[in-house]
Amino acid sequence: SQGEWRQIIEQQASFARFFEKVEISSLGEEETLKLVSTKAKEFSIHHRVTYSLEILQQIVKLSSKFLLKKVQPDAALDLLDRVGAKASLLSFN
């Protein structure tokens, strides 16, 4: 994150010369949904669950709202994995 960059890397010039700062912008909601929909197939197999379009839309929406330390699509993919894991565990009980 930018805070970690400032705190760790920028403070030590000898260390900073080995790194290049790369800023990554977040994807838009529509682009994120397309990517999450594609990745959902892999997560479905891994967790043995099925994701509806409505769930995928909510994952994108809620990850943007609550997972503020991550940029999209990472936030949505993280939430997609967590939702699949939780649903998989619940189906065994």
C-alpha atoms as a PDB file:
ATOM      1  CA  SER A   1       0.000   0.000   0.000  1.00  0.00           C
ATOM      2  CA  GLN A   2       1.041   3.620  -0.276  1.00  0.00           C
ATOM      3  CA  GLY A   3       1.332   3.901   3.499  1.00  0.00           C
ATOM      4  CA  GLU A   4       3.645   0.918   3.674  1.00  0.00           C
ATOM      5  CA  TRP A   5       5.701   2.343   0.808  1.00  0.00           C
ATOM      6  CA  ARG A   6       6.152   5.637   2.667  1.00  0.00           C
ATOM      7  CA  GLN A   7       6.817   3.985   6.001  1.00  0.00           C
ATOM      8  CA  ILE A   8       9.246   1.293   4.888  1.00  0.00           C
ATOM      9  CA  ILE A   9      10.752   2.038   1.490  1.00  0.00           C
ATOM     10  CA  GLU A  10      10.893   5.829   1.165  1.00  0.00           C
ATOM     11  CA  GLN A  11      12.491   6.238   4.599  1.00  0.00           C
ATOM     12  CA  GLN A  12      15.625   4.346   3.555  1.00  0.00           C
ATOM     13  CA  ALA A  13      17.144   5.792   0.390  1.00  0.00           C
ATOM     14  CA  SER A  14      19.634   2.932   0.057  1.00  0.00           C
ATOM     15  CA  PHE A  15      16.741   0.491   0.148  1.00  0.00           C
ATOM     16  CA  ALA A  16      14.441   2.560  -2.079  1.00  0.00           C
ATOM     17  CA  ARG A  17      16.821   2.509  -5.042  1.00  0.00           C
ATOM     18  CA  PHE A  18      16.106  -1.209  -5.504  1.00  0.00           C
ATOM     19  CA  PHE A  19      12.387  -0.605  -6.008  1.00  0.00           C
ATOM     20  CA  GLU A  20      10.248   1.255  -8.461  1.00  0.00           C
ATOM     21  CA  LYS A  21       6.948   2.683  -7.313  1.00  0.00           C
ATOM     22  CA  VAL A  22       4.108   1.420  -9.478  1.00  0.00           C
ATOM     23  CA  GLU A  23       0.647   2.799  -8.905  1.00  0.00           C
ATOM     24  CA  ILE A  24      -2.212   0.520  -9.853  1.00  0.00           C
ATOM     25  CA  SER A  25      -5.611   2.001 -10.401  1.00  0.00           C
ATOM     26  CA  SER A  26      -8.752   0.179  -9.423  1.00  0.00           C
ATOM     27  CA  LEU A  27     -10.998  -1.364 -12.076  1.00  0.00           C
ATOM     28  CA  GLY A  28     -14.505  -0.028 -12.514  1.00  0.00           C
ATOM     29  CA  GLU A  29     -17.520  -1.937 -11.250  1.00  0.00           C
ATOM     30  CA  GLU A  30     -18.477  -3.329 -14.664  1.00  0.00           C
ATOM     31  CA  GLU A  31     -14.926  -4.490 -15.464  1.00  0.00           C
ATOM     32  CA  THR A  32     -14.593  -6.023 -12.012  1.00  0.00           C
ATOM     33  CA  LEU A  33     -17.875  -7.905 -12.428  1.00  0.00           C
ATOM     34  CA  LYS A  34     -16.673  -9.372 -15.741  1.00  0.00           C
ATOM     35  CA  LEU A  35     -13.442 -10.550 -14.160  1.00  0.00           C
ATOM     36  CA  VAL A  36     -15.175 -11.915 -11.054  1.00  0.00           C
ATOM     37  CA  SER A  37     -17.695 -13.767 -13.240  1.00  0.00           C
ATOM     38  CA  THR A  38     -14.841 -15.439 -15.113  1.00  0.00           C
ATOM     39  CA  LYS A  39     -12.956 -16.347 -11.942  1.00  0.00           C
ATOM     40  CA  ALA A  40     -16.148 -17.556 -10.236  1.00  0.00           C
ATOM     41  CA  LYS A  41     -16.014 -20.701 -12.390  1.00  0.00           C
ATOM     42  CA  GLU A  42     -12.626 -21.628 -10.892  1.00  0.00           C
ATOM     43  CA  PHE A  43     -13.754 -20.821  -7.347  1.00  0.00           C
ATOM     44  CA  SER A  44     -16.953 -22.838  -7.900  1.00  0.00           C
ATOM     45  CA  ILE A  45     -14.897 -25.926  -8.654  1.00  0.00           C
ATOM     46  CA  HIS A  46     -12.491 -25.300  -5.790  1.00  0.00           C
ATOM     47  CA  HIS A  47     -15.170 -24.694  -3.129  1.00  0.00           C
ATOM     48  CA  ARG A  48     -17.837 -26.924  -4.710  1.00  0.00           C
ATOM     49  CA  VAL A  49     -20.429 -24.145  -4.696  1.00  0.00           C
ATOM     50  CA  THR A  50     -22.373 -22.196  -7.310  1.00  0.00           C
ATOM     51  CA  TYR A  51     -22.431 -18.397  -7.483  1.00  0.00           C
ATOM     52  CA  SER A  52     -25.503 -16.654  -8.901  1.00  0.00           C
ATOM     53  CA  LEU A  53     -25.186 -13.430 -10.873  1.00  0.00           C
ATOM     54  CA  GLU A  54     -26.914 -11.607  -8.013  1.00  0.00           C
ATOM     55  CA  ILE A  55     -24.284 -12.866  -5.544  1.00  0.00           C
ATOM     56  CA  LEU A  56     -21.461 -11.811  -7.862  1.00  0.00           C
ATOM     57  CA  GLN A  57     -22.968  -8.331  -8.188  1.00  0.00           C
ATOM     58  CA  GLN A  58     -23.244  -8.048  -4.401  1.00  0.00           C
ATOM     59  CA  ILE A  59     -19.648  -9.232  -3.974  1.00  0.00           C
ATOM     60  CA  VAL A  60     -18.416  -6.452  -6.253  1.00  0.00           C
ATOM     61  CA  LYS A  61     -20.620  -3.847  -4.582  1.00  0.00           C
ATOM     62  CA  LEU A  62     -19.807  -4.835  -0.990  1.00  0.00           C
ATOM     63  CA  SER A  63     -16.095  -5.335  -1.576  1.00  0.00           C
ATOM     64  CA  SER A  64     -15.868  -1.772  -2.905  1.00  0.00           C
ATOM     65  CA  LYS A  65     -17.710  -0.504   0.137  1.00  0.00           C
ATOM     66  CA  PHE A  66     -16.039  -2.468   2.925  1.00  0.00           C
ATOM     67  CA  LEU A  67     -12.635  -3.751   1.756  1.00  0.00           C
ATOM     68  CA  LEU A  68     -11.027  -0.344   1.433  1.00  0.00           C
ATOM     69  CA  LYS A  69      -7.420  -1.445   1.857  1.00  0.00           C
ATOM     70  CA  LYS A  70      -7.529  -3.361  -1.425  1.00  0.00           C
ATOM     71  CA  VAL A  71      -8.183  -2.167  -4.956  1.00  0.00           C
ATOM     72  CA  GLN A  72     -10.557  -3.835  -7.363  1.00  0.00           C
ATOM     73  CA  PRO A  73     -10.498  -6.567  -8.555  1.00  0.00           C
ATOM     74  CA  ASP A  74      -8.395  -7.897  -5.639  1.00  0.00           C
ATOM     75  CA  ALA A  75     -11.005  -6.914  -3.067  1.00  0.00           C
ATOM     76  CA  ALA A  76     -13.809  -8.642  -4.970  1.00  0.00           C
ATOM     77  CA  LEU A  77     -11.746 -11.773  -5.614  1.00  0.00           C
ATOM     78  CA  ASP A  78     -10.834 -11.982  -1.944  1.00  0.00           C
ATOM     79  CA  LEU A  79     -14.495 -11.711  -0.964  1.00  0.00           C
ATOM     80  CA  LEU A  80     -15.481 -14.233  -3.653  1.00  0.00           C
ATOM     81  CA  ASP A  81     -13.052 -16.727  -2.138  1.00  0.00           C
ATOM     82  CA  ARG A  82     -14.280 -16.063   1.411  1.00  0.00           C
ATOM     83  CA  VAL A  83     -17.939 -16.424   0.421  1.00  0.00           C
ATOM     84  CA  GLY A  84     -17.211 -19.688  -1.369  1.00  0.00           C
ATOM     85  CA  ALA A  85     -15.252 -21.052   1.585  1.00  0.00           C
ATOM     86  CA  LYS A  86     -17.984 -20.121   4.046  1.00  0.00           C
ATOM     87  CA  ALA A  87     -20.747 -21.590   1.851  1.00  0.00           C
ATOM     88  CA  SER A  88     -18.732 -24.761   1.413  1.00  0.00           C
ATOM     89  CA  LEU A  89     -18.282 -25.129   5.173  1.00  0.00           C
ATOM     90  CA  LEU A  90     -21.965 -24.494   5.818  1.00  0.00           C
ATOM     91  CA  SER A  91     -22.996 -27.144   3.308  1.00  0.00           C
ATOM     92  CA  PHE A  92     -21.031 -29.790   5.228  1.00  0.00           C
ATOM     93  CA  ASN A  93     -22.834 -29.045   8.504  1.00  0.00           C
END
